[in-house]
Amino acid sequence: MIYCQQMRITASRLREDVYRILDEAIETGRTVEIVRRGKIVRLVPEERASRLARLKKRTGFEGNPDDIAGMDWSKEWSELK
């Protein structure tokens, strides 16, 4: 099968093999155009962001790391039981 940016099919063909067509669109990222009564409906697979891009933005520590190394954390920490 030759892969291009989009695949144009009829509604009847979609009905015959809907799951295979949807799986192919998801795997390849191709847009599926369904023609029905002269109108086109597009199924466009969502572009998922990378796992790194989905991480929540956090503020970092600003300062000298040696300043926190000697701090007394005993009030903040408790051993799990």
PDB file of N, CA and C in Angstrom:
ATOM      1  N   MET A   1       0.834  -1.171   0.000  1.00  0.00           N
ATOM      2  CA  MET A   1       0.000   0.000   0.000  1.00  0.00           C
ATOM      3  C   MET A   1       0.883   1.239   0.000  1.00  0.00           C
ATOM      4  N   ILE A   2       0.562   2.199  -0.841  1.00  0.00           N
ATOM      5  CA  ILE A   2       1.311   3.439  -0.917  1.00  0.00           C
ATOM      6  C   ILE A   2       0.728   4.403   0.109  1.00  0.00           C
ATOM      7  N   TYR A   3       1.602   4.956   0.935  1.00  0.00           N
ATOM      8  CA  TYR A   3       1.143   5.859   1.980  1.00  0.00           C
ATOM      9  C   TYR A   3       1.242   7.302   1.515  1.00  0.00           C
ATOM     10  N   CYS A   4       0.162   8.025   1.663  1.00  0.00           N
ATOM     11  CA  CYS A   4       0.144   9.454   1.379  1.00  0.00           C
ATOM     12  C   CYS A   4      -0.471  10.135   2.592  1.00  0.00           C
ATOM     13  N   GLN A   5      -0.642  11.419   2.502  1.00  0.00           N
ATOM     14  CA  GLN A   5      -1.150  12.168   3.642  1.00  0.00           C
ATOM     15  C   GLN A   5      -2.598  11.852   3.969  1.00  0.00           C
ATOM     16  N   GLN A   6      -3.389  11.469   2.982  1.00  0.00           N
ATOM     17  CA  GLN A   6      -4.795  11.215   3.262  1.00  0.00           C
ATOM     18  C   GLN A   6      -5.308  10.053   2.430  1.00  0.00           C
ATOM     19  N   MET A   7      -6.391   9.489   2.876  1.00  0.00           N
ATOM     20  CA  MET A   7      -7.037   8.378   2.187  1.00  0.00           C
ATOM     21  C   MET A   7      -8.493   8.793   1.996  1.00  0.00           C
ATOM     22  N   ARG A   8      -8.990   8.732   0.768  1.00  0.00           N
ATOM     23  CA  ARG A   8     -10.381   9.099   0.489  1.00  0.00           C
ATOM     24  C   ARG A   8     -11.168   7.823   0.210  1.00  0.00           C
ATOM     25  N   ILE A   9     -12.258   7.639   0.939  1.00  0.00           N
ATOM     26  CA  ILE A   9     -13.092   6.450   0.786  1.00  0.00           C
ATOM     27  C   ILE A   9     -14.560   6.853   0.836  1.00  0.00           C
ATOM     28  N   THR A  10     -15.408   5.939   0.419  1.00  0.00           N
ATOM     29  CA  THR A  10     -16.849   6.172   0.523  1.00  0.00           C
ATOM     30  C   THR A  10     -17.330   5.728   1.896  1.00  0.00           C
ATOM     31  N   ALA A  11     -18.509   6.196   2.263  1.00  0.00           N
ATOM     32  CA  ALA A  11     -19.094   5.796   3.541  1.00  0.00           C
ATOM     33  C   ALA A  11     -19.358   4.290   3.556  1.00  0.00           C
ATOM     34  N   SER A  12     -19.713   3.726   2.410  1.00  0.00           N
ATOM     35  CA  SER A  12     -19.961   2.279   2.332  1.00  0.00           C
ATOM     36  C   SER A  12     -18.695   1.489   2.618  1.00  0.00           C
ATOM     37  N   ARG A  13     -17.568   1.947   2.065  1.00  0.00           N
ATOM     38  CA  ARG A  13     -16.301   1.251   2.323  1.00  0.00           C
ATOM     39  C   ARG A  13     -15.908   1.370   3.792  1.00  0.00           C
ATOM     40  N   LEU A  14     -16.136   2.519   4.388  1.00  0.00           N
ATOM     41  CA  LEU A  14     -15.855   2.695   5.814  1.00  0.00           C
ATOM     42  C   LEU A  14     -16.680   1.716   6.632  1.00  0.00           C
ATOM     43  N   ARG A  15     -17.951   1.590   6.304  1.00  0.00           N
ATOM     44  CA  ARG A  15     -18.840   0.689   7.034  1.00  0.00           C
ATOM     45  C   ARG A  15     -18.375  -0.763   6.914  1.00  0.00           C
ATOM     46  N   GLU A  16     -17.853  -1.144   5.759  1.00  0.00           N
ATOM     47  CA  GLU A  16     -17.396  -2.522   5.553  1.00  0.00           C
ATOM     48  C   GLU A  16     -16.206  -2.881   6.440  1.00  0.00           C
ATOM     49  N   ASP A  17     -15.318  -1.920   6.660  1.00  0.00           N
ATOM     50  CA  ASP A  17     -14.059  -2.248   7.343  1.00  0.00           C
ATOM     51  C   ASP A  17     -13.635  -1.126   8.298  1.00  0.00           C
ATOM     52  N   VAL A  18     -14.563  -0.650   9.111  1.00  0.00           N
ATOM     53  CA  VAL A  18     -14.328   0.528   9.942  1.00  0.00           C
ATOM     54  C   VAL A  18     -13.136   0.359  10.886  1.00  0.00           C
ATOM     55  N   TYR A  19     -13.000  -0.773  11.542  1.00  0.00           N
ATOM     56  CA  TYR A  19     -11.933  -0.931  12.527  1.00  0.00           C
ATOM     57  C   TYR A  19     -10.560  -0.983  11.884  1.00  0.00           C
ATOM     58  N   ARG A  20     -10.433  -1.650  10.764  1.00  0.00           N
ATOM     59  CA  ARG A  20      -9.141  -1.701  10.077  1.00  0.00           C
ATOM     60  C   ARG A  20      -8.750  -0.311   9.586  1.00  0.00           C
ATOM     61  N   ILE A  21      -9.711   0.429   9.040  1.00  0.00           N
ATOM     62  CA  ILE A  21      -9.434   1.774   8.534  1.00  0.00           C
ATOM     63  C   ILE A  21      -9.040   2.710   9.676  1.00  0.00           C
ATOM     64  N   LEU A  22      -9.750   2.641  10.783  1.00  0.00           N
ATOM     65  CA  LEU A  22      -9.406   3.478  11.932  1.00  0.00           C
ATOM     66  C   LEU A  22      -8.036   3.122  12.490  1.00  0.00           C
ATOM     67  N   ASP A  23      -7.744   1.822  12.614  1.00  0.00           N
ATOM     68  CA  ASP A  23      -6.430   1.399  13.110  1.00  0.00           C
ATOM     69  C   ASP A  23      -5.311   1.876  12.200  1.00  0.00           C
ATOM     70  N   GLU A  24      -5.530   1.785  10.887  1.00  0.00           N
ATOM     71  CA  GLU A  24      -4.513   2.240   9.934  1.00  0.00           C
ATOM     72  C   GLU A  24      -4.283   3.740  10.058  1.00  0.00           C
ATOM     73  N   ALA A  25      -5.360   4.505  10.221  1.00  0.00           N
ATOM     74  CA  ALA A  25      -5.227   5.956  10.383  1.00  0.00           C
ATOM     75  C   ALA A  25      -4.444   6.287  11.644  1.00  0.00           C
ATOM     76  N   ILE A  26      -4.708   5.579  12.716  1.00  0.00           N
ATOM     77  CA  ILE A  26      -3.998   5.817  13.975  1.00  0.00           C
ATOM     78  C   ILE A  26      -2.521   5.468  13.839  1.00  0.00           C
ATOM     79  N   GLU A  27      -2.227   4.314  13.239  1.00  0.00           N
ATOM     80  CA  GLU A  27      -0.838   3.853  13.116  1.00  0.00           C
ATOM     81  C   GLU A  27      -0.012   4.728  12.180  1.00  0.00           C
ATOM     82  N   THR A  28      -0.602   5.186  11.089  1.00  0.00           N
ATOM     83  CA  THR A  28       0.146   5.940  10.085  1.00  0.00           C
ATOM     84  C   THR A  28       0.030   7.447  10.250  1.00  0.00           C
ATOM     85  N   GLY A  29      -0.986   7.907  10.985  1.00  0.00           N
ATOM     86  CA  GLY A  29      -1.203   9.334  11.128  1.00  0.00           C
ATOM     87  C   GLY A  29      -1.906   9.956   9.931  1.00  0.00           C
ATOM     88  N   ARG A  30      -2.392   9.121   9.019  1.00  0.00           N
ATOM     89  CA  ARG A  30      -3.052   9.603   7.806  1.00  0.00           C
ATOM     90  C   ARG A  30      -4.466  10.076   8.099  1.00  0.00           C
ATOM     91  N   THR A  31      -4.872  11.121   7.416  1.00  0.00           N
ATOM     92  CA  THR A  31      -6.241  11.601   7.494  1.00  0.00           C
ATOM     93  C   THR A  31      -7.114  10.727   6.608  1.00  0.00           C
ATOM     94  N   VAL A  32      -8.296  10.373   7.088  1.00  0.00           N
ATOM     95  CA  VAL A  32      -9.244   9.598   6.300  1.00  0.00           C
ATOM     96  C   VAL A  32     -10.368  10.548   5.896  1.00  0.00           C
ATOM     97  N   GLU A  33     -10.601  10.647   4.582  1.00  0.00           N
ATOM     98  CA  GLU A  33     -11.696  11.475   4.083  1.00  0.00           C
ATOM     99  C   GLU A  33     -12.819  10.549   3.649  1.00  0.00           C
ATOM    100  N   ILE A  34     -13.996  10.743   4.217  1.00  0.00           N
ATOM    101  CA  ILE A  34     -15.154   9.924   3.880  1.00  0.00           C
ATOM    102  C   ILE A  34     -16.086  10.787   3.039  1.00  0.00           C
ATOM    103  N   VAL A  35     -16.429  10.286   1.848  1.00  0.00           N
ATOM    104  CA  VAL A  35     -17.315  11.017   0.945  1.00  0.00           C
ATOM    105  C   VAL A  35     -18.725  10.476   1.121  1.00  0.00           C
ATOM    106  N   ARG A  36     -19.656  11.371   1.428  1.00  0.00           N
ATOM    107  CA  ARG A  36     -21.056  10.994   1.628  1.00  0.00           C
ATOM    108  C   ARG A  36     -21.926  12.091   1.042  1.00  0.00           C
ATOM    109  N   ARG A  37     -22.732  11.724   0.049  1.00  0.00           N
ATOM    110  CA  ARG A  37     -23.636  12.665  -0.617  1.00  0.00           C
ATOM    111  C   ARG A  37     -22.908  13.905  -1.127  1.00  0.00           C
ATOM    112  N   GLY A  38     -21.718  13.695  -1.659  1.00  0.00           N
ATOM    113  CA  GLY A  38     -20.943  14.794  -2.231  1.00  0.00           C
ATOM    114  C   GLY A  38     -20.215  15.652  -1.222  1.00  0.00           C
ATOM    115  N   LYS A  39     -20.351  15.353   0.048  1.00  0.00           N
ATOM    116  CA  LYS A  39     -19.668  16.099   1.112  1.00  0.00           C
ATOM    117  C   LYS A  39     -18.543  15.237   1.666  1.00  0.00           C
ATOM    118  N   ILE A  40     -17.536  15.892   2.187  1.00  0.00           N
ATOM    119  CA  ILE A  40     -16.386  15.179   2.745  1.00  0.00           C
ATOM    120  C   ILE A  40     -16.335  15.395   4.249  1.00  0.00           C
ATOM    121  N   VAL A  41     -16.187  14.300   4.959  1.00  0.00           N
ATOM    122  CA  VAL A  41     -15.988  14.328   6.407  1.00  0.00           C
ATOM    123  C   VAL A  41     -14.587  13.792   6.652  1.00  0.00           C
ATOM    124  N   ARG A  42     -13.795  14.488   7.444  1.00  0.00           N
ATOM    125  CA  ARG A  42     -12.413  14.076   7.687  1.00  0.00           C
ATOM    126  C   ARG A  42     -12.259  13.508   9.101  1.00  0.00           C
ATOM    127  N   LEU A  43     -11.589  12.379   9.168  1.00  0.00           N
ATOM    128  CA  LEU A  43     -11.158  11.811  10.446  1.00  0.00           C
ATOM    129  C   LEU A  43      -9.663  12.074  10.529  1.00  0.00           C
ATOM    130  N   VAL A  44      -9.261  12.845  11.509  1.00  0.00           N
ATOM    131  CA  VAL A  44      -7.869  13.236  11.633  1.00  0.00           C
ATOM    132  C   VAL A  44      -7.321  12.682  12.942  1.00  0.00           C
ATOM    133  N   PRO A  45      -6.334  11.775  12.873  1.00  0.00           N
ATOM    134  CA  PRO A  45      -5.750  11.243  14.104  1.00  0.00           C
ATOM    135  C   PRO A  45      -5.091  12.360  14.918  1.00  0.00           C
ATOM    136  N   GLU A  46      -5.299  12.313  16.201  1.00  0.00           N
ATOM    137  CA  GLU A  46      -4.709  13.298  17.096  1.00  0.00           C
ATOM    138  C   GLU A  46      -3.202  13.105  17.145  1.00  0.00           C
ATOM    139  N   GLU A  47      -2.479  14.219  17.064  1.00  0.00           N
ATOM    140  CA  GLU A  47      -1.037  14.139  17.235  1.00  0.00           C
ATOM    141  C   GLU A  47      -0.752  14.221  18.724  1.00  0.00           C
ATOM    142  N   ARG A  48      -0.252  13.135  19.243  1.00  0.00           N
ATOM    143  CA  ARG A  48       0.021  13.099  20.675  1.00  0.00           C
ATOM    144  C   ARG A  48       1.360  13.749  20.965  1.00  0.00           C
ATOM    145  N   ALA A  49       1.377  14.507  22.007  1.00  0.00           N
ATOM    146  CA  ALA A  49       2.622  15.132  22.434  1.00  0.00           C
ATOM    147  C   ALA A  49       3.522  14.056  23.033  1.00  0.00           C
ATOM    148  N   SER A  50       4.810  14.278  22.974  1.00  0.00           N
ATOM    149  CA  SER A  50       5.746  13.327  23.553  1.00  0.00           C
ATOM    150  C   SER A  50       5.555  13.286  25.069  1.00  0.00           C
ATOM    151  N   ARG A  51       6.017  12.246  25.676  1.00  0.00           N
ATOM    152  CA  ARG A  51       5.890  12.132  27.134  1.00  0.00           C
ATOM    153  C   ARG A  51       6.609  13.285  27.826  1.00  0.00           C
ATOM    154  N   LEU A  52       7.726  13.690  27.270  1.00  0.00           N
ATOM    155  CA  LEU A  52       8.478  14.796  27.849  1.00  0.00           C
ATOM    156  C   LEU A  52       7.683  16.095  27.767  1.00  0.00           C
ATOM    157  N   ALA A  53       6.995  16.321  26.669  1.00  0.00           N
ATOM    158  CA  ALA A  53       6.207  17.535  26.498  1.00  0.00           C
ATOM    159  C   ALA A  53       4.991  17.560  27.418  1.00  0.00           C
ATOM    160  N   ARG A  54       4.518  16.389  27.860  1.00  0.00           N
ATOM    161  CA  ARG A  54       3.342  16.333  28.730  1.00  0.00           C
ATOM    162  C   ARG A  54       3.672  16.534  30.206  1.00  0.00           C
ATOM    163  N   LEU A  55       4.953  16.597  30.550  1.00  0.00           N
ATOM    164  CA  LEU A  55       5.323  16.813  31.950  1.00  0.00           C
ATOM    165  C   LEU A  55       4.872  18.190  32.412  1.00  0.00           C
ATOM    166  N   LYS A  56       4.460  18.278  33.660  1.00  0.00           N
ATOM    167  CA  LYS A  56       4.072  19.562  34.221  1.00  0.00           C
ATOM    168  C   LYS A  56       5.322  20.408  34.431  1.00  0.00           C
ATOM    169  N   LYS A  57       5.199  21.685  34.098  1.00  0.00           N
ATOM    170  CA  LYS A  57       6.323  22.584  34.291  1.00  0.00           C
ATOM    171  C   LYS A  57       6.483  22.859  35.780  1.00  0.00           C
ATOM    172  N   ARG A  58       7.671  22.727  36.241  1.00  0.00           N
ATOM    173  CA  ARG A  58       7.968  22.942  37.653  1.00  0.00           C
ATOM    174  C   ARG A  58       9.052  24.017  37.769  1.00  0.00           C
ATOM    175  N   THR A  59       9.015  24.716  38.872  1.00  0.00           N
ATOM    176  CA  THR A  59      10.079  25.678  39.109  1.00  0.00           C
ATOM    177  C   THR A  59      11.237  24.938  39.752  1.00  0.00           C
ATOM    178  N   GLY A  60      12.405  25.321  39.419  1.00  0.00           N
ATOM    179  CA  GLY A  60      13.589  24.667  39.961  1.00  0.00           C
ATOM    180  C   GLY A  60      14.120  25.390  41.180  1.00  0.00           C
ATOM    181  N   PHE A  61      15.086  24.808  41.778  1.00  0.00           N
ATOM    182  CA  PHE A  61      15.729  25.411  42.938  1.00  0.00           C
ATOM    183  C   PHE A  61      16.716  26.452  42.442  1.00  0.00           C
ATOM    184  N   GLU A  62      16.617  27.632  42.999  1.00  0.00           N
ATOM    185  CA  GLU A  62      17.564  28.678  42.653  1.00  0.00           C
ATOM    186  C   GLU A  62      18.426  28.939  43.866  1.00  0.00           C
ATOM    187  N   GLY A  63      19.695  28.829  43.698  1.00  0.00           N
ATOM    188  CA  GLY A  63      20.612  29.072  44.798  1.00  0.00           C
ATOM    189  C   GLY A  63      21.744  28.067  44.790  1.00  0.00           C
ATOM    190  N   ASN A  64      22.441  28.025  45.878  1.00  0.00           N
ATOM    191  CA  ASN A  64      23.574  27.134  46.011  1.00  0.00           C
ATOM    192  C   ASN A  64      23.102  25.813  46.628  1.00  0.00           C
ATOM    193  N   PRO A  65      23.274  24.688  45.927  1.00  0.00           N
ATOM    194  CA  PRO A  65      22.842  23.396  46.473  1.00  0.00           C
ATOM    195  C   PRO A  65      23.516  23.055  47.799  1.00  0.00           C
ATOM    196  N   ASP A  66      24.707  23.578  48.031  1.00  0.00           N
ATOM    197  CA  ASP A  66      25.399  23.301  49.298  1.00  0.00           C
ATOM    198  C   ASP A  66      24.662  23.925  50.478  1.00  0.00           C
ATOM    199  N   ASP A  67      23.865  24.969  50.214  1.00  0.00           N
ATOM    200  CA  ASP A  67      23.105  25.611  51.300  1.00  0.00           C
ATOM    201  C   ASP A  67      22.035  24.682  51.857  1.00  0.00           C
ATOM    202  N   ILE A  68      21.446  23.841  51.034  1.00  0.00           N
ATOM    203  CA  ILE A  68      20.407  22.941  51.532  1.00  0.00           C
ATOM    204  C   ILE A  68      20.979  21.617  52.035  1.00  0.00           C
ATOM    205  N   ALA A  69      22.204  21.318  51.649  1.00  0.00           N
ATOM    206  CA  ALA A  69      22.804  20.046  52.073  1.00  0.00           C
ATOM    207  C   ALA A  69      22.998  19.985  53.584  1.00  0.00           C
ATOM    208  N   GLY A  70      23.276  21.093  54.196  1.00  0.00           N
ATOM    209  CA  GLY A  70      23.529  21.105  55.631  1.00  0.00           C
ATOM    210  C   GLY A  70      22.320  21.484  56.469  1.00  0.00           C
ATOM    211  N   MET A  71      21.162  21.632  55.867  1.00  0.00           N
ATOM    212  CA  MET A  71      19.959  22.027  56.608  1.00  0.00           C
ATOM    213  C   MET A  71      19.434  20.876  57.463  1.00  0.00           C
ATOM    214  N   ASP A  72      18.786  21.210  58.552  1.00  0.00           N
ATOM    215  CA  ASP A  72      18.181  20.208  59.429  1.00  0.00           C
ATOM    216  C   ASP A  72      16.770  19.908  58.918  1.00  0.00           C
ATOM    217  N   TRP A  73      16.581  18.720  58.348  1.00  0.00           N
ATOM    218  CA  TRP A  73      15.302  18.313  57.780  1.00  0.00           C
ATOM    219  C   TRP A  73      14.505  17.421  58.734  1.00  0.00           C
ATOM    220  N   SER A  74      14.958  17.240  59.961  1.00  0.00           N
ATOM    221  CA  SER A  74      14.322  16.292  60.876  1.00  0.00           C
ATOM    222  C   SER A  74      12.861  16.641  61.180  1.00  0.00           C
ATOM    223  N   LYS A  75      12.484  17.906  61.134  1.00  0.00           N
ATOM    224  CA  LYS A  75      11.094  18.288  61.384  1.00  0.00           C
ATOM    225  C   LYS A  75      10.199  17.956  60.181  1.00  0.00           C
ATOM    226  N   GLU A  76      10.777  17.918  59.007  1.00  0.00           N
ATOM    227  CA  GLU A  76      10.034  17.674  57.774  1.00  0.00           C
ATOM    228  C   GLU A  76       9.938  16.193  57.423  1.00  0.00           C
ATOM    229  N   TRP A  77      10.774  15.368  58.011  1.00  0.00           N
ATOM    230  CA  TRP A  77      10.901  13.975  57.583  1.00  0.00           C
ATOM    231  C   TRP A  77      10.468  13.041  58.705  1.00  0.00           C
ATOM    232  N   SER A  78       9.804  11.969  58.323  1.00  0.00           N
ATOM    233  CA  SER A  78       9.497  10.930  59.297  1.00  0.00           C
ATOM    234  C   SER A  78       9.678   9.584  58.614  1.00  0.00           C
ATOM    235  N   GLU A  79      10.145   8.619  59.363  1.00  0.00           N
ATOM    236  CA  GLU A  79      10.406   7.300  58.813  1.00  0.00           C
ATOM    237  C   GLU A  79       9.089   6.558  58.616  1.00  0.00           C
ATOM    238  N   LEU A  80       8.959   5.865  57.482  1.00  0.00           N
ATOM    239  CA  LEU A  80       7.766   5.077  57.233  1.00  0.00           C
ATOM    240  C   LEU A  80       7.741   3.874  58.166  1.00  0.00           C
ATOM    241  N   LYS A  81       6.565   3.539  58.648  1.00  0.00           N
ATOM    242  CA  LYS A  81       6.444   2.403  59.558  1.00  0.00           C
ATOM    243  C   LYS A  81       5.776   1.253  58.889  1.00  0.00           C
TER     244      LYS A  81
END
